[in-house]
Amino acid sequence: MGDPVPDYAARLDELERSLEAERERANKLLDQSQRMAAEFQNSRRRLETQVQDEIERASTHMMRRLLPVIDDFDLAFAHVPAEVDAGAAWVEGFRQIQKKLHGVLAEEGVTIIAQDGPFDPALHEAVSGEPSDSVPAGHIIATLRAGYTHKGKVLRPALVRVAV
């Protein structure tokens, strides 16, 4: 009576099946981890986009709130009484404040809408139309309130009078 002869072929088949099962399991785990990594990247990109959009909205909101301040400066300087010395230090001080405010908005990408030329309903809001001998029909006669764009989008349309 001797020891039973080991069945190496059967054992080898069993080990190969076990190896193949583990390879499939490893491939599934690798696929899952790659999907999770991709989902994480997409989620991070979406979050970054949302943060950028929110910053842009807040920035645009603040710029819109500053436009009436610029309007007030423009009106004040348009109506400086003749008896006030235009070169007075305090007047020049206010002009410098106005200039800085315009500079800050320009650095943020805010530009003034053209105050002459053809009327564009996307950029201008017509307050009135009137005949003119010096301005062609459909062109701006005068700007009543400046309009502004920010990175190609209208912050506020210009209020204009248009020749008819």
N, C-alpha and C. Protein backbone atom coordinates (compact mmCIF):
# COMPACT_ATOMS: atom_id res chain seq x y z
N MET A 1 0.81 -1.14 0.00
CA MET A 1 0.00 0.00 0.00
C MET A 1 0.86 1.22 0.00
N GLY A 2 0.71 1.98 -0.81
CA GLY A 2 1.51 3.18 -0.90
C GLY A 2 0.67 4.43 -0.81
N ASP A 3 1.36 5.47 -0.84
CA ASP A 3 0.67 6.76 -0.79
C ASP A 3 -0.11 6.95 -2.09
N PRO A 4 -1.28 7.60 -1.98
CA PRO A 4 -2.01 7.85 -3.21
C PRO A 4 -1.24 8.82 -4.08
N VAL A 5 -1.32 8.64 -5.34
CA VAL A 5 -0.61 9.47 -6.29
C VAL A 5 -1.38 10.79 -6.41
N PRO A 6 -0.68 11.89 -6.14
CA PRO A 6 -1.38 13.17 -6.24
C PRO A 6 -1.79 13.42 -7.69
N ASP A 7 -2.97 14.07 -7.83
CA ASP A 7 -3.48 14.39 -9.16
C ASP A 7 -3.08 15.83 -9.47
N TYR A 8 -1.86 15.98 -10.01
CA TYR A 8 -1.32 17.32 -10.30
C TYR A 8 -2.13 18.06 -11.35
N ALA A 9 -2.65 17.37 -12.29
CA ALA A 9 -3.41 18.02 -13.36
C ALA A 9 -4.69 18.63 -12.79
N ALA A 10 -5.38 17.89 -11.91
CA ALA A 10 -6.61 18.40 -11.31
C ALA A 10 -6.31 19.59 -10.42
N ARG A 11 -5.22 19.49 -9.67
CA ARG A 11 -4.83 20.60 -8.78
C ARG A 11 -4.45 21.83 -9.60
N LEU A 12 -3.76 21.62 -10.72
CA LEU A 12 -3.37 22.73 -11.59
C LEU A 12 -4.61 23.40 -12.19
N ASP A 13 -5.59 22.61 -12.61
CA ASP A 13 -6.84 23.17 -13.15
C ASP A 13 -7.55 23.99 -12.08
N GLU A 14 -7.58 23.48 -10.87
CA GLU A 14 -8.24 24.19 -9.76
C GLU A 14 -7.53 25.51 -9.48
N LEU A 15 -6.21 25.51 -9.48
CA LEU A 15 -5.44 26.74 -9.24
C LEU A 15 -5.63 27.76 -10.38
N GLU A 16 -5.70 27.28 -11.62
CA GLU A 16 -5.91 28.17 -12.75
C GLU A 16 -7.29 28.82 -12.69
N ARG A 17 -8.32 28.01 -12.32
CA ARG A 17 -9.67 28.56 -12.16
C ARG A 17 -9.70 29.61 -11.04
N SER A 18 -9.01 29.31 -9.96
CA SER A 18 -8.95 30.24 -8.83
C SER A 18 -8.23 31.52 -9.25
N LEU A 19 -7.15 31.38 -10.01
CA LEU A 19 -6.39 32.54 -10.50
C LEU A 19 -7.26 33.39 -11.42
N GLU A 20 -8.00 32.75 -12.31
CA GLU A 20 -8.87 33.48 -13.23
C GLU A 20 -9.96 34.22 -12.46
N ALA A 21 -10.52 33.59 -11.46
CA ALA A 21 -11.56 34.24 -10.64
C ALA A 21 -10.98 35.46 -9.92
N GLU A 22 -9.77 35.35 -9.43
CA GLU A 22 -9.12 36.47 -8.74
C GLU A 22 -8.77 37.58 -9.72
N ARG A 23 -8.40 37.20 -10.95
CA ARG A 23 -8.13 38.23 -11.97
C ARG A 23 -9.40 39.00 -12.28
N GLU A 24 -10.52 38.30 -12.42
CA GLU A 24 -11.80 38.96 -12.69
C GLU A 24 -12.16 39.89 -11.54
N ARG A 25 -11.95 39.42 -10.33
CA ARG A 25 -12.24 40.25 -9.15
C ARG A 25 -11.35 41.49 -9.13
N ALA A 26 -10.07 41.30 -9.45
CA ALA A 26 -9.13 42.43 -9.48
C ALA A 26 -9.53 43.42 -10.58
N ASN A 27 -9.95 42.93 -11.74
CA ASN A 27 -10.37 43.81 -12.83
C ASN A 27 -11.62 44.60 -12.44
N LYS A 28 -12.57 43.93 -11.74
CA LYS A 28 -13.76 44.63 -11.28
C LYS A 28 -13.39 45.71 -10.28
N LEU A 29 -12.49 45.41 -9.36
CA LEU A 29 -12.06 46.41 -8.38
C LEU A 29 -11.33 47.56 -9.05
N LEU A 30 -10.50 47.26 -10.04
CA LEU A 30 -9.79 48.31 -10.78
C LEU A 30 -10.79 49.19 -11.52
N ASP A 31 -11.78 48.57 -12.16
CA ASP A 31 -12.81 49.33 -12.87
C ASP A 31 -13.57 50.23 -11.90
N GLN A 32 -13.94 49.69 -10.74
CA GLN A 32 -14.65 50.48 -9.73
C GLN A 32 -13.81 51.66 -9.27
N SER A 33 -12.53 51.44 -9.02
CA SER A 33 -11.68 52.54 -8.54
C SER A 33 -11.48 53.59 -9.62
N GLN A 34 -11.37 53.16 -10.89
CA GLN A 34 -11.24 54.13 -11.97
C GLN A 34 -12.51 54.95 -12.13
N ARG A 35 -13.66 54.31 -11.99
CA ARG A 35 -14.94 55.03 -12.07
C ARG A 35 -15.06 56.04 -10.92
N MET A 36 -14.66 55.62 -9.74
CA MET A 36 -14.73 56.52 -8.59
C MET A 36 -13.78 57.71 -8.78
N ALA A 37 -12.60 57.45 -9.31
CA ALA A 37 -11.66 58.54 -9.57
C ALA A 37 -12.23 59.51 -10.60
N ALA A 38 -12.86 58.97 -11.65
CA ALA A 38 -13.47 59.82 -12.68
C ALA A 38 -14.63 60.62 -12.09
N GLU A 39 -15.46 59.98 -11.27
CA GLU A 39 -16.56 60.70 -10.62
C GLU A 39 -16.03 61.81 -9.73
N PHE A 40 -14.96 61.53 -9.01
CA PHE A 40 -14.36 62.55 -8.14
C PHE A 40 -13.86 63.73 -8.97
N GLN A 41 -13.17 63.45 -10.08
CA GLN A 41 -12.67 64.52 -10.94
C GLN A 41 -13.82 65.36 -11.50
N ASN A 42 -14.88 64.68 -11.95
CA ASN A 42 -16.03 65.40 -12.50
C ASN A 42 -16.70 66.25 -11.42
N SER A 43 -16.81 65.70 -10.25
CA SER A 43 -17.41 66.43 -9.13
C SER A 43 -16.56 67.65 -8.78
N ARG A 44 -15.26 67.49 -8.77
CA ARG A 44 -14.36 68.60 -8.47
C ARG A 44 -14.48 69.70 -9.54
N ARG A 45 -14.54 69.29 -10.81
CA ARG A 45 -14.70 70.27 -11.89
C ARG A 45 -16.03 71.02 -11.77
N ARG A 46 -17.11 70.27 -11.47
CA ARG A 46 -18.41 70.91 -11.30
C ARG A 46 -18.38 71.91 -10.15
N LEU A 47 -17.75 71.53 -9.05
CA LEU A 47 -17.66 72.43 -7.90
C LEU A 47 -16.85 73.67 -8.25
N GLU A 48 -15.73 73.50 -8.95
CA GLU A 48 -14.92 74.65 -9.36
C GLU A 48 -15.72 75.58 -10.27
N THR A 49 -16.48 75.00 -11.20
CA THR A 49 -17.31 75.80 -12.10
C THR A 49 -18.38 76.54 -11.32
N GLN A 50 -19.01 75.87 -10.36
CA GLN A 50 -20.04 76.51 -9.54
C GLN A 50 -19.46 77.66 -8.73
N VAL A 51 -18.26 77.46 -8.17
CA VAL A 51 -17.61 78.52 -7.39
C VAL A 51 -17.29 79.70 -8.30
N GLN A 52 -16.75 79.42 -9.49
CA GLN A 52 -16.43 80.50 -10.43
C GLN A 52 -17.69 81.26 -10.85
N ASP A 53 -18.76 80.52 -11.10
CA ASP A 53 -20.02 81.16 -11.48
C ASP A 53 -20.55 82.05 -10.35
N GLU A 54 -20.44 81.57 -9.12
CA GLU A 54 -20.92 82.35 -7.98
C GLU A 54 -20.07 83.60 -7.78
N ILE A 55 -18.77 83.47 -7.95
CA ILE A 55 -17.88 84.64 -7.85
C ILE A 55 -18.24 85.65 -8.94
N GLU A 56 -18.49 85.15 -10.15
CA GLU A 56 -18.85 86.03 -11.27
C GLU A 56 -20.17 86.74 -10.99
N ARG A 57 -21.16 86.00 -10.44
CA ARG A 57 -22.45 86.63 -10.12
C ARG A 57 -22.29 87.70 -9.05
N ALA A 58 -21.51 87.41 -8.02
CA ALA A 58 -21.30 88.38 -6.95
C ALA A 58 -20.57 89.61 -7.48
N SER A 59 -19.58 89.38 -8.32
CA SER A 59 -18.81 90.48 -8.90
C SER A 59 -19.72 91.35 -9.78
N THR A 60 -20.54 90.73 -10.60
CA THR A 60 -21.46 91.47 -11.46
C THR A 60 -22.46 92.26 -10.62
N HIS A 61 -22.95 91.64 -9.57
CA HIS A 61 -23.90 92.32 -8.68
C HIS A 61 -23.25 93.57 -8.07
N MET A 62 -22.02 93.45 -7.61
CA MET A 62 -21.33 94.60 -7.00
C MET A 62 -21.08 95.69 -8.04
N MET A 63 -20.71 95.31 -9.25
CA MET A 63 -20.47 96.31 -10.30
C MET A 63 -21.76 97.05 -10.63
N ARG A 64 -22.88 96.32 -10.71
CA ARG A 64 -24.16 96.99 -10.98
C ARG A 64 -24.50 97.99 -9.88
N ARG A 65 -24.15 97.66 -8.65
CA ARG A 65 -24.45 98.57 -7.54
C ARG A 65 -23.56 99.81 -7.57
N LEU A 66 -22.40 99.72 -8.20
CA LEU A 66 -21.50 100.88 -8.29
C LEU A 66 -21.88 101.83 -9.43
N LEU A 67 -22.64 101.37 -10.40
CA LEU A 67 -22.98 102.21 -11.55
C LEU A 67 -23.73 103.49 -11.16
N PRO A 68 -24.69 103.46 -10.23
CA PRO A 68 -25.34 104.71 -9.82
C PRO A 68 -24.37 105.70 -9.17
N VAL A 69 -23.34 105.19 -8.52
CA VAL A 69 -22.33 106.08 -7.92
C VAL A 69 -21.58 106.81 -9.04
N ILE A 70 -21.22 106.08 -10.08
CA ILE A 70 -20.56 106.70 -11.24
C ILE A 70 -21.49 107.72 -11.87
N ASP A 71 -22.77 107.36 -12.01
CA ASP A 71 -23.75 108.30 -12.57
C ASP A 71 -23.80 109.59 -11.75
N ASP A 72 -23.78 109.46 -10.43
CA ASP A 72 -23.82 110.65 -9.56
C ASP A 72 -22.59 111.53 -9.77
N PHE A 73 -21.42 110.92 -9.90
CA PHE A 73 -20.21 111.70 -10.17
C PHE A 73 -20.34 112.41 -11.51
N ASP A 74 -20.78 111.69 -12.54
CA ASP A 74 -20.92 112.29 -13.87
C ASP A 74 -21.88 113.47 -13.84
N LEU A 75 -23.02 113.29 -13.17
CA LEU A 75 -23.99 114.39 -13.06
C LEU A 75 -23.43 115.57 -12.29
N ALA A 76 -22.73 115.28 -11.21
CA ALA A 76 -22.17 116.36 -10.40
C ALA A 76 -21.18 117.18 -11.22
N PHE A 77 -20.31 116.53 -11.96
CA PHE A 77 -19.33 117.27 -12.74
C PHE A 77 -19.96 117.97 -13.95
N ALA A 78 -21.05 117.43 -14.45
CA ALA A 78 -21.74 118.10 -15.56
C ALA A 78 -22.45 119.36 -15.10
N HIS A 79 -22.71 119.47 -13.80
CA HIS A 79 -23.45 120.60 -13.27
C HIS A 79 -22.68 121.40 -12.22
N VAL A 80 -21.35 121.44 -12.35
CA VAL A 80 -20.55 122.26 -11.44
C VAL A 80 -20.87 123.72 -11.75
N PRO A 81 -21.29 124.48 -10.75
CA PRO A 81 -21.63 125.89 -10.99
C PRO A 81 -20.44 126.66 -11.55
N ALA A 82 -20.74 127.61 -12.38
CA ALA A 82 -19.69 128.42 -13.02
C ALA A 82 -18.86 129.17 -12.00
N GLU A 83 -19.49 129.57 -10.87
CA GLU A 83 -18.75 130.34 -9.88
C GLU A 83 -17.76 129.49 -9.07
N VAL A 84 -17.89 128.17 -9.18
CA VAL A 84 -16.93 127.29 -8.49
C VAL A 84 -15.73 127.12 -9.39
N ASP A 85 -14.57 127.35 -8.84
CA ASP A 85 -13.33 127.21 -9.60
C ASP A 85 -13.14 125.74 -9.97
N ALA A 86 -13.18 125.44 -11.27
CA ALA A 86 -13.03 124.05 -11.73
C ALA A 86 -11.68 123.47 -11.34
N GLY A 87 -10.71 124.34 -11.09
CA GLY A 87 -9.38 123.85 -10.70
C GLY A 87 -9.22 123.78 -9.19
N ALA A 88 -10.28 124.00 -8.44
CA ALA A 88 -10.19 123.94 -6.98
C ALA A 88 -9.75 122.55 -6.55
N ALA A 89 -8.98 122.52 -5.48
CA ALA A 89 -8.41 121.26 -5.01
C ALA A 89 -9.49 120.23 -4.68
N TRP A 90 -10.56 120.66 -4.05
CA TRP A 90 -11.58 119.69 -3.68
C TRP A 90 -12.31 119.13 -4.90
N VAL A 91 -12.48 119.97 -5.95
CA VAL A 91 -13.10 119.50 -7.18
C VAL A 91 -12.19 118.48 -7.85
N GLU A 92 -10.90 118.79 -7.89
CA GLU A 92 -9.94 117.86 -8.48
C GLU A 92 -9.86 116.57 -7.68
N GLY A 93 -10.00 116.68 -6.37
CA GLY A 93 -10.01 115.48 -5.52
C GLY A 93 -11.16 114.55 -5.89
N PHE A 94 -12.33 115.14 -6.09
CA PHE A 94 -13.47 114.33 -6.49
C PHE A 94 -13.30 113.77 -7.89
N ARG A 95 -12.65 114.52 -8.77
CA ARG A 95 -12.37 113.99 -10.12
C ARG A 95 -11.44 112.78 -10.03
N GLN A 96 -10.48 112.83 -9.13
CA GLN A 96 -9.56 111.70 -8.95
C GLN A 96 -10.31 110.47 -8.41
N ILE A 97 -11.25 110.70 -7.51
CA ILE A 97 -12.06 109.59 -6.99
C ILE A 97 -12.86 108.96 -8.14
N GLN A 98 -13.46 109.81 -8.96
CA GLN A 98 -14.22 109.33 -10.11
C GLN A 98 -13.31 108.53 -11.05
N LYS A 99 -12.12 109.06 -11.29
CA LYS A 99 -11.17 108.40 -12.19
C LYS A 99 -10.77 107.03 -11.63
N LYS A 100 -10.52 106.95 -10.33
CA LYS A 100 -10.15 105.67 -9.70
C LYS A 100 -11.29 104.66 -9.81
N LEU A 101 -12.50 105.13 -9.60
CA LEU A 101 -13.65 104.25 -9.70
C LEU A 101 -13.79 103.70 -11.12
N HIS A 102 -13.63 104.56 -12.11
CA HIS A 102 -13.66 104.10 -13.50
C HIS A 102 -12.52 103.11 -13.75
N GLY A 103 -11.35 103.39 -13.18
CA GLY A 103 -10.19 102.50 -13.35
C GLY A 103 -10.42 101.12 -12.75
N VAL A 104 -11.01 101.07 -11.57
CA VAL A 104 -11.30 99.79 -10.92
C VAL A 104 -12.26 98.97 -11.79
N LEU A 105 -13.30 99.61 -12.28
CA LEU A 105 -14.26 98.90 -13.13
C LEU A 105 -13.61 98.44 -14.43
N ALA A 106 -12.76 99.27 -15.00
CA ALA A 106 -12.07 98.89 -16.23
C ALA A 106 -11.16 97.68 -15.99
N GLU A 107 -10.49 97.64 -14.84
CA GLU A 107 -9.64 96.49 -14.52
C GLU A 107 -10.46 95.21 -14.40
N GLU A 108 -11.71 95.33 -14.02
CA GLU A 108 -12.59 94.18 -13.89
C GLU A 108 -13.26 93.80 -15.20
N GLY A 109 -12.96 94.55 -16.27
CA GLY A 109 -13.52 94.22 -17.58
C GLY A 109 -14.79 94.97 -17.93
N VAL A 110 -15.11 96.02 -17.17
CA VAL A 110 -16.31 96.81 -17.45
C VAL A 110 -15.94 97.88 -18.48
N THR A 111 -16.74 97.96 -19.55
CA THR A 111 -16.51 98.97 -20.58
C THR A 111 -17.80 99.74 -20.81
N ILE A 112 -17.63 101.00 -21.19
CA ILE A 112 -18.78 101.85 -21.46
C ILE A 112 -19.31 101.54 -22.86
N ILE A 113 -20.61 101.54 -22.99
CA ILE A 113 -21.26 101.29 -24.29
C ILE A 113 -21.15 102.56 -25.13
N ALA A 114 -20.93 102.38 -26.43
CA ALA A 114 -20.80 103.51 -27.35
C ALA A 114 -21.98 104.46 -27.19
N GLN A 115 -21.66 105.76 -27.12
CA GLN A 115 -22.68 106.78 -26.90
C GLN A 115 -23.05 107.52 -28.18
N ASP A 116 -22.58 106.99 -29.30
CA ASP A 116 -22.93 107.59 -30.58
C ASP A 116 -23.01 106.47 -31.61
N GLY A 117 -23.37 106.82 -32.82
CA GLY A 117 -23.47 105.81 -33.87
C GLY A 117 -24.87 105.22 -33.95
N PRO A 118 -24.99 104.08 -34.61
CA PRO A 118 -26.31 103.49 -34.81
C PRO A 118 -26.90 102.94 -33.50
N PHE A 119 -28.20 103.02 -33.41
CA PHE A 119 -28.93 102.49 -32.26
C PHE A 119 -28.91 100.97 -32.31
N ASP A 120 -28.57 100.33 -31.20
CA ASP A 120 -28.56 98.87 -31.10
C ASP A 120 -29.44 98.48 -29.92
N PRO A 121 -30.58 97.86 -30.16
CA PRO A 121 -31.50 97.53 -29.06
C PRO A 121 -30.90 96.57 -28.04
N ALA A 122 -29.86 95.86 -28.39
CA ALA A 122 -29.20 94.97 -27.44
C ALA A 122 -28.33 95.76 -26.45
N LEU A 123 -27.93 96.97 -26.85
CA LEU A 123 -27.03 97.78 -26.01
C LEU A 123 -27.67 99.07 -25.51
N HIS A 124 -28.68 99.53 -26.22
CA HIS A 124 -29.27 100.83 -25.91
C HIS A 124 -30.76 100.68 -25.61
N GLU A 125 -31.23 101.60 -24.79
CA GLU A 125 -32.67 101.69 -24.53
C GLU A 125 -33.11 103.07 -24.99
N ALA A 126 -33.98 103.11 -25.98
CA ALA A 126 -34.43 104.38 -26.53
C ALA A 126 -35.49 104.99 -25.61
N VAL A 127 -35.22 106.21 -25.18
CA VAL A 127 -36.16 106.93 -24.33
C VAL A 127 -37.10 107.76 -25.20
N SER A 128 -36.55 108.26 -26.29
CA SER A 128 -37.39 109.05 -27.21
C SER A 128 -36.78 109.02 -28.60
N GLY A 129 -37.59 109.35 -29.55
CA GLY A 129 -37.15 109.50 -30.92
C GLY A 129 -37.54 110.89 -31.39
N GLU A 130 -36.64 111.53 -32.09
CA GLU A 130 -36.93 112.89 -32.57
C GLU A 130 -36.23 113.14 -33.89
N PRO A 131 -36.78 114.01 -34.69
CA PRO A 131 -36.14 114.32 -35.98
C PRO A 131 -34.83 115.08 -35.75
N SER A 132 -33.90 114.86 -36.66
CA SER A 132 -32.62 115.56 -36.58
C SER A 132 -32.10 115.80 -37.98
N ASP A 133 -31.57 117.03 -38.16
CA ASP A 133 -30.97 117.36 -39.46
C ASP A 133 -29.51 116.92 -39.53
N SER A 134 -28.86 116.79 -38.36
CA SER A 134 -27.43 116.49 -38.34
C SER A 134 -27.12 115.01 -38.08
N VAL A 135 -28.10 114.23 -37.62
CA VAL A 135 -27.85 112.82 -37.30
C VAL A 135 -28.78 111.97 -38.16
N PRO A 136 -28.24 110.94 -38.82
CA PRO A 136 -29.09 110.08 -39.66
C PRO A 136 -30.12 109.32 -38.83
N ALA A 137 -31.22 108.97 -39.43
CA ALA A 137 -32.28 108.22 -38.75
C ALA A 137 -31.73 106.90 -38.23
N GLY A 138 -32.16 106.52 -37.04
CA GLY A 138 -31.70 105.27 -36.44
C GLY A 138 -30.38 105.38 -35.72
N HIS A 139 -29.86 106.61 -35.63
CA HIS A 139 -28.60 106.83 -34.92
C HIS A 139 -28.87 107.60 -33.62
N ILE A 140 -27.93 107.50 -32.72
CA ILE A 140 -28.08 108.14 -31.39
C ILE A 140 -27.83 109.63 -31.50
N ILE A 141 -28.77 110.40 -30.94
CA ILE A 141 -28.62 111.85 -30.87
C ILE A 141 -27.89 112.23 -29.59
N ALA A 142 -28.33 111.65 -28.48
CA ALA A 142 -27.73 111.98 -27.18
C ALA A 142 -27.88 110.79 -26.24
N THR A 143 -26.93 110.69 -25.31
CA THR A 143 -26.99 109.66 -24.28
C THR A 143 -27.42 110.32 -22.98
N LEU A 144 -28.50 109.81 -22.40
CA LEU A 144 -29.02 110.36 -21.15
C LEU A 144 -28.40 109.70 -19.93
N ARG A 145 -28.07 108.42 -20.07
CA ARG A 145 -27.40 107.69 -19.00
C ARG A 145 -26.48 106.66 -19.65
N ALA A 146 -25.24 106.64 -19.23
CA ALA A 146 -24.26 105.73 -19.82
C ALA A 146 -24.66 104.27 -19.53
N GLY A 147 -24.33 103.42 -20.49
CA GLY A 147 -24.53 101.99 -20.33
C GLY A 147 -23.18 101.30 -20.25
N TYR A 148 -23.16 100.10 -19.70
CA TYR A 148 -21.90 99.39 -19.48
C TYR A 148 -22.04 97.91 -19.81
N THR A 149 -20.94 97.34 -20.28
CA THR A 149 -20.86 95.90 -20.49
C THR A 149 -19.77 95.34 -19.60
N HIS A 150 -19.89 94.06 -19.30
CA HIS A 150 -18.87 93.36 -18.50
C HIS A 150 -18.59 92.03 -19.19
N LYS A 151 -17.39 91.92 -19.72
CA LYS A 151 -16.97 90.70 -20.42
C LYS A 151 -17.99 90.28 -21.49
N GLY A 152 -18.42 91.28 -22.26
CA GLY A 152 -19.31 91.01 -23.38
C GLY A 152 -20.79 90.95 -23.04
N LYS A 153 -21.15 91.01 -21.76
CA LYS A 153 -22.56 90.98 -21.37
C LYS A 153 -22.98 92.36 -20.90
N VAL A 154 -24.19 92.74 -21.22
CA VAL A 154 -24.69 94.07 -20.84
C VAL A 154 -24.99 94.09 -19.35
N LEU A 155 -24.29 94.99 -18.65
CA LEU A 155 -24.61 95.22 -17.23
C LEU A 155 -25.83 96.11 -17.12
N ARG A 156 -25.83 97.13 -17.96
CA ARG A 156 -26.94 98.07 -17.97
C ARG A 156 -26.94 98.74 -19.34
N PRO A 157 -28.10 98.77 -20.02
CA PRO A 157 -28.14 99.41 -21.34
C PRO A 157 -28.04 100.94 -21.20
N ALA A 158 -27.54 101.58 -22.21
CA ALA A 158 -27.46 103.04 -22.24
C ALA A 158 -28.84 103.60 -22.57
N LEU A 159 -29.25 104.67 -21.86
CA LEU A 159 -30.50 105.37 -22.16
C LEU A 159 -30.16 106.43 -23.20
N VAL A 160 -30.82 106.39 -24.36
CA VAL A 160 -30.46 107.29 -25.45
C VAL A 160 -31.70 107.90 -26.10
N ARG A 161 -31.44 109.01 -26.79
CA ARG A 161 -32.43 109.60 -27.69
C ARG A 161 -31.99 109.25 -29.09
N VAL A 162 -32.95 108.88 -29.93
CA VAL A 162 -32.63 108.37 -31.27
C VAL A 162 -33.27 109.25 -32.33
N ALA A 163 -32.54 109.46 -33.40
CA ALA A 163 -33.07 110.22 -34.53
C ALA A 163 -34.05 109.34 -35.31
N VAL A 164 -35.16 109.99 -35.69
CA VAL A 164 -36.17 109.26 -36.48
C VAL A 164 -36.29 109.82 -37.86
